[in-house]
Amino acid sequence: PPTALAIVRGSAALLAAPDGEMLARLGAGATVTVTGRSTDGRHVAVFTAAGVPGWVLTDRLFLYGGDDLVEVEQALGAGPIATILAEAME
C-alpha cells in the first residue's frame, strides 16, 4: 500500500481506532508513517518511530505524499508494512 510521512502539529492523540481509545499523546514535531485513511477521511492509520500503530485525526498533521492513500480498516505497524512492500517488489 502507498505510504506517506506526517509531522504532528501542536499535539495529537494516537488512537486505537478512529474515534477510539487514546493509546498515547504525540508531541509537536513527532513524525509518523501514514499507511492509509479511514472511510470518512477524518483519520489516518499510522505507526510511530517506535513502530506503534494507531490512528490520528488528519487535521492534527502536516501530511506529505498522502495523495494515493487507500482506505484501510486496521492500522499496521512497521513490520507488516515492510513485509507487504517486500512482497510487492518481488
N, C-alpha and C. Protein backbone atom coordinates (compact mmCIF):
# COMPACT_ATOMS: atom_id res chain seq x y z
N PRO A 1 0.83 -1.20 0.00
CA PRO A 1 0.00 0.00 0.00
C PRO A 1 0.87 1.25 0.00
N PRO A 2 0.38 2.32 -0.59
CA PRO A 2 1.14 3.57 -0.56
C PRO A 2 1.30 4.06 0.88
N THR A 3 2.40 4.72 1.14
CA THR A 3 2.62 5.31 2.45
C THR A 3 2.98 6.78 2.28
N ALA A 4 2.88 7.51 3.38
CA ALA A 4 3.20 8.93 3.38
C ALA A 4 3.89 9.25 4.71
N LEU A 5 4.45 10.42 4.79
CA LEU A 5 5.07 10.91 6.01
C LEU A 5 4.21 12.03 6.56
N ALA A 6 4.11 12.10 7.88
CA ALA A 6 3.35 13.19 8.51
C ALA A 6 4.10 13.69 9.73
N ILE A 7 3.94 14.98 9.99
CA ILE A 7 4.51 15.62 11.17
C ILE A 7 3.35 16.17 11.99
N VAL A 8 3.39 15.88 13.28
CA VAL A 8 2.32 16.30 14.18
C VAL A 8 2.42 17.80 14.40
N ARG A 9 1.27 18.48 14.26
CA ARG A 9 1.22 19.91 14.55
C ARG A 9 0.56 20.08 15.93
N GLY A 10 1.16 20.87 16.76
CA GLY A 10 0.66 21.04 18.14
C GLY A 10 0.90 19.75 18.91
N SER A 11 -0.13 19.00 19.11
CA SER A 11 -0.02 17.65 19.66
C SER A 11 -1.20 16.87 19.11
N ALA A 12 -1.14 15.55 19.24
CA ALA A 12 -2.21 14.72 18.70
C ALA A 12 -2.34 13.45 19.52
N ALA A 13 -3.55 12.94 19.58
CA ALA A 13 -3.80 11.67 20.25
C ALA A 13 -3.57 10.54 19.26
N LEU A 14 -2.83 9.51 19.69
CA LEU A 14 -2.70 8.28 18.93
C LEU A 14 -3.81 7.37 19.44
N LEU A 15 -4.74 7.01 18.56
CA LEU A 15 -5.95 6.29 18.95
C LEU A 15 -5.88 4.82 18.55
N ALA A 16 -6.58 3.97 19.29
CA ALA A 16 -6.65 2.54 18.98
C ALA A 16 -7.50 2.29 17.73
N ALA A 17 -8.45 3.16 17.45
CA ALA A 17 -9.34 3.08 16.29
C ALA A 17 -9.81 4.50 16.01
N PRO A 18 -10.34 4.77 14.81
CA PRO A 18 -10.90 6.10 14.58
C PRO A 18 -11.94 6.41 15.67
N ASP A 19 -11.80 7.54 16.30
CA ASP A 19 -12.67 7.95 17.42
C ASP A 19 -12.62 6.97 18.59
N GLY A 20 -11.53 6.20 18.70
CA GLY A 20 -11.40 5.20 19.76
C GLY A 20 -10.61 5.68 20.96
N GLU A 21 -10.22 4.73 21.77
CA GLU A 21 -9.46 4.98 22.99
C GLU A 21 -8.06 5.52 22.68
N MET A 22 -7.61 6.49 23.48
CA MET A 22 -6.28 7.07 23.28
C MET A 22 -5.21 6.11 23.80
N LEU A 23 -4.23 5.84 22.93
CA LEU A 23 -3.10 4.99 23.29
C LEU A 23 -1.93 5.81 23.83
N ALA A 24 -1.73 6.99 23.23
CA ALA A 24 -0.59 7.84 23.61
C ALA A 24 -0.85 9.25 23.09
N ARG A 25 -0.08 10.19 23.62
CA ARG A 25 -0.12 11.57 23.16
C ARG A 25 1.15 11.79 22.35
N LEU A 26 1.02 12.27 21.12
CA LEU A 26 2.16 12.57 20.26
C LEU A 26 2.45 14.06 20.35
N GLY A 27 3.68 14.40 20.62
CA GLY A 27 4.06 15.80 20.77
C GLY A 27 4.28 16.50 19.45
N ALA A 28 4.28 17.82 19.50
CA ALA A 28 4.53 18.64 18.32
C ALA A 28 5.85 18.26 17.68
N GLY A 29 5.84 18.09 16.37
CA GLY A 29 7.05 17.76 15.63
C GLY A 29 7.33 16.28 15.52
N ALA A 30 6.57 15.45 16.21
CA ALA A 30 6.76 14.00 16.09
C ALA A 30 6.44 13.58 14.66
N THR A 31 7.19 12.63 14.14
CA THR A 31 6.91 12.12 12.80
C THR A 31 6.27 10.75 12.88
N VAL A 32 5.36 10.49 11.97
CA VAL A 32 4.70 9.20 11.86
C VAL A 32 4.66 8.80 10.39
N THR A 33 4.63 7.50 10.15
CA THR A 33 4.45 6.98 8.80
C THR A 33 2.96 6.68 8.64
N VAL A 34 2.38 7.20 7.58
CA VAL A 34 0.95 7.04 7.33
C VAL A 34 0.76 5.89 6.34
N THR A 35 -0.15 4.96 6.67
CA THR A 35 -0.33 3.77 5.85
C THR A 35 -1.72 3.65 5.24
N GLY A 36 -2.61 4.57 5.53
CA GLY A 36 -3.95 4.52 4.96
C GLY A 36 -4.83 5.56 5.62
N ARG A 37 -6.08 5.58 5.18
CA ARG A 37 -7.03 6.55 5.74
C ARG A 37 -8.34 5.85 6.08
N SER A 38 -9.11 6.47 6.95
CA SER A 38 -10.42 5.95 7.30
C SER A 38 -11.39 6.20 6.15
N THR A 39 -12.52 5.52 6.18
CA THR A 39 -13.52 5.67 5.13
C THR A 39 -13.97 7.11 4.96
N ASP A 40 -14.15 7.81 6.08
CA ASP A 40 -14.61 9.20 6.01
C ASP A 40 -13.48 10.20 5.82
N GLY A 41 -12.22 9.74 5.84
CA GLY A 41 -11.08 10.61 5.62
C GLY A 41 -10.69 11.47 6.81
N ARG A 42 -11.39 11.35 7.93
CA ARG A 42 -11.09 12.17 9.11
C ARG A 42 -9.86 11.69 9.85
N HIS A 43 -9.53 10.41 9.74
CA HIS A 43 -8.40 9.82 10.44
C HIS A 43 -7.46 9.14 9.45
N VAL A 44 -6.19 9.06 9.83
CA VAL A 44 -5.24 8.27 9.06
C VAL A 44 -4.63 7.20 9.96
N ALA A 45 -4.35 6.05 9.36
CA ALA A 45 -3.67 4.97 10.05
C ALA A 45 -2.17 5.26 10.00
N VAL A 46 -1.50 5.14 11.13
CA VAL A 46 -0.08 5.50 11.22
C VAL A 46 0.66 4.47 12.05
N PHE A 47 1.99 4.55 11.99
CA PHE A 47 2.82 3.95 13.02
C PHE A 47 3.90 4.94 13.40
N THR A 48 4.26 4.93 14.67
CA THR A 48 5.24 5.88 15.20
C THR A 48 6.65 5.42 14.91
N ALA A 49 7.62 6.26 15.26
CA ALA A 49 9.03 5.90 15.09
C ALA A 49 9.39 4.65 15.89
N ALA A 50 8.66 4.40 16.97
CA ALA A 50 8.88 3.19 17.78
C ALA A 50 8.12 1.99 17.22
N GLY A 51 7.38 2.17 16.12
CA GLY A 51 6.65 1.08 15.49
C GLY A 51 5.27 0.83 16.04
N VAL A 52 4.75 1.74 16.87
CA VAL A 52 3.43 1.57 17.48
C VAL A 52 2.36 2.02 16.49
N PRO A 53 1.42 1.13 16.13
CA PRO A 53 0.36 1.51 15.19
C PRO A 53 -0.80 2.19 15.89
N GLY A 54 -1.54 3.00 15.14
CA GLY A 54 -2.72 3.67 15.67
C GLY A 54 -3.32 4.58 14.63
N TRP A 55 -4.23 5.42 15.08
CA TRP A 55 -4.96 6.35 14.21
C TRP A 55 -4.81 7.77 14.76
N VAL A 56 -4.73 8.75 13.85
CA VAL A 56 -4.61 10.16 14.23
C VAL A 56 -5.59 10.97 13.36
N LEU A 57 -6.20 11.97 13.97
CA LEU A 57 -7.04 12.88 13.20
C LEU A 57 -6.20 13.57 12.13
N THR A 58 -6.69 13.56 10.92
CA THR A 58 -5.95 14.13 9.78
C THR A 58 -5.61 15.59 10.00
N ASP A 59 -6.52 16.36 10.59
CA ASP A 59 -6.28 17.80 10.76
C ASP A 59 -5.23 18.11 11.83
N ARG A 60 -4.70 17.12 12.53
CA ARG A 60 -3.64 17.31 13.51
C ARG A 60 -2.26 17.10 12.91
N LEU A 61 -2.20 16.87 11.58
CA LEU A 61 -0.94 16.51 10.92
C LEU A 61 -0.65 17.40 9.73
N PHE A 62 0.65 17.60 9.48
CA PHE A 62 1.12 18.10 8.18
C PHE A 62 1.43 16.83 7.40
N LEU A 63 0.69 16.56 6.34
CA LEU A 63 0.80 15.31 5.61
C LEU A 63 1.56 15.53 4.31
N TYR A 64 2.56 14.70 4.07
CA TYR A 64 3.40 14.80 2.87
C TYR A 64 3.31 13.50 2.09
N GLY A 65 2.86 13.58 0.84
CA GLY A 65 2.80 12.41 -0.02
C GLY A 65 1.60 11.53 0.22
N GLY A 66 0.50 12.10 0.67
CA GLY A 66 -0.67 11.30 1.00
C GLY A 66 -1.75 11.25 -0.05
N ASP A 67 -1.46 11.66 -1.27
CA ASP A 67 -2.48 11.71 -2.31
C ASP A 67 -3.03 10.34 -2.70
N ASP A 68 -2.23 9.28 -2.59
CA ASP A 68 -2.64 7.96 -3.05
C ASP A 68 -3.00 7.00 -1.91
N LEU A 69 -3.27 7.53 -0.73
CA LEU A 69 -3.60 6.66 0.39
C LEU A 69 -4.91 5.92 0.14
N VAL A 70 -4.94 4.67 0.53
CA VAL A 70 -6.13 3.85 0.36
C VAL A 70 -6.88 3.76 1.68
N GLU A 71 -8.16 3.42 1.59
CA GLU A 71 -8.95 3.19 2.80
C GLU A 71 -8.50 1.88 3.44
N VAL A 72 -8.31 1.92 4.75
CA VAL A 72 -7.92 0.72 5.49
C VAL A 72 -8.82 0.58 6.71
N GLU A 73 -8.94 -0.64 7.19
CA GLU A 73 -9.75 -0.90 8.37
C GLU A 73 -8.91 -1.05 9.63
N GLN A 74 -7.61 -1.26 9.45
CA GLN A 74 -6.73 -1.54 10.58
C GLN A 74 -5.42 -0.78 10.39
N ALA A 75 -4.89 -0.24 11.49
CA ALA A 75 -3.57 0.39 11.47
C ALA A 75 -2.53 -0.69 11.70
N LEU A 76 -1.54 -0.75 10.83
CA LEU A 76 -0.49 -1.76 10.93
C LEU A 76 0.82 -1.11 11.35
N GLY A 77 1.65 -1.87 12.05
CA GLY A 77 2.97 -1.40 12.45
C GLY A 77 3.97 -1.54 11.33
N ALA A 78 5.20 -1.20 11.63
CA ALA A 78 6.27 -1.19 10.63
C ALA A 78 6.55 -2.58 10.06
N GLY A 79 6.53 -3.62 10.88
CA GLY A 79 6.85 -4.97 10.41
C GLY A 79 5.92 -5.46 9.32
N PRO A 80 4.61 -5.47 9.54
CA PRO A 80 3.70 -5.92 8.49
C PRO A 80 3.78 -5.08 7.22
N ILE A 81 3.96 -3.79 7.35
CA ILE A 81 4.06 -2.92 6.17
C ILE A 81 5.32 -3.26 5.37
N ALA A 82 6.44 -3.47 6.05
CA ALA A 82 7.68 -3.84 5.35
C ALA A 82 7.51 -5.16 4.61
N THR A 83 6.83 -6.10 5.21
CA THR A 83 6.59 -7.39 4.56
C THR A 83 5.73 -7.22 3.32
N ILE A 84 4.66 -6.45 3.41
CA ILE A 84 3.78 -6.21 2.27
C ILE A 84 4.55 -5.55 1.14
N LEU A 85 5.36 -4.54 1.45
CA LEU A 85 6.13 -3.84 0.42
C LEU A 85 7.17 -4.76 -0.22
N ALA A 86 7.83 -5.60 0.59
CA ALA A 86 8.82 -6.52 0.04
C ALA A 86 8.17 -7.53 -0.89
N GLU A 87 7.02 -8.04 -0.51
CA GLU A 87 6.31 -9.00 -1.37
C GLU A 87 5.85 -8.34 -2.67
N ALA A 88 5.44 -7.09 -2.61
CA ALA A 88 5.00 -6.39 -3.80
C ALA A 88 6.16 -6.13 -4.77
N MET A 89 7.38 -6.04 -4.25
CA MET A 89 8.54 -5.75 -5.08
C MET A 89 9.12 -7.01 -5.73
N GLU A 90 8.68 -8.18 -5.31
CA GLU A 90 9.21 -9.44 -5.87
C GLU A 90 8.67 -9.69 -7.25
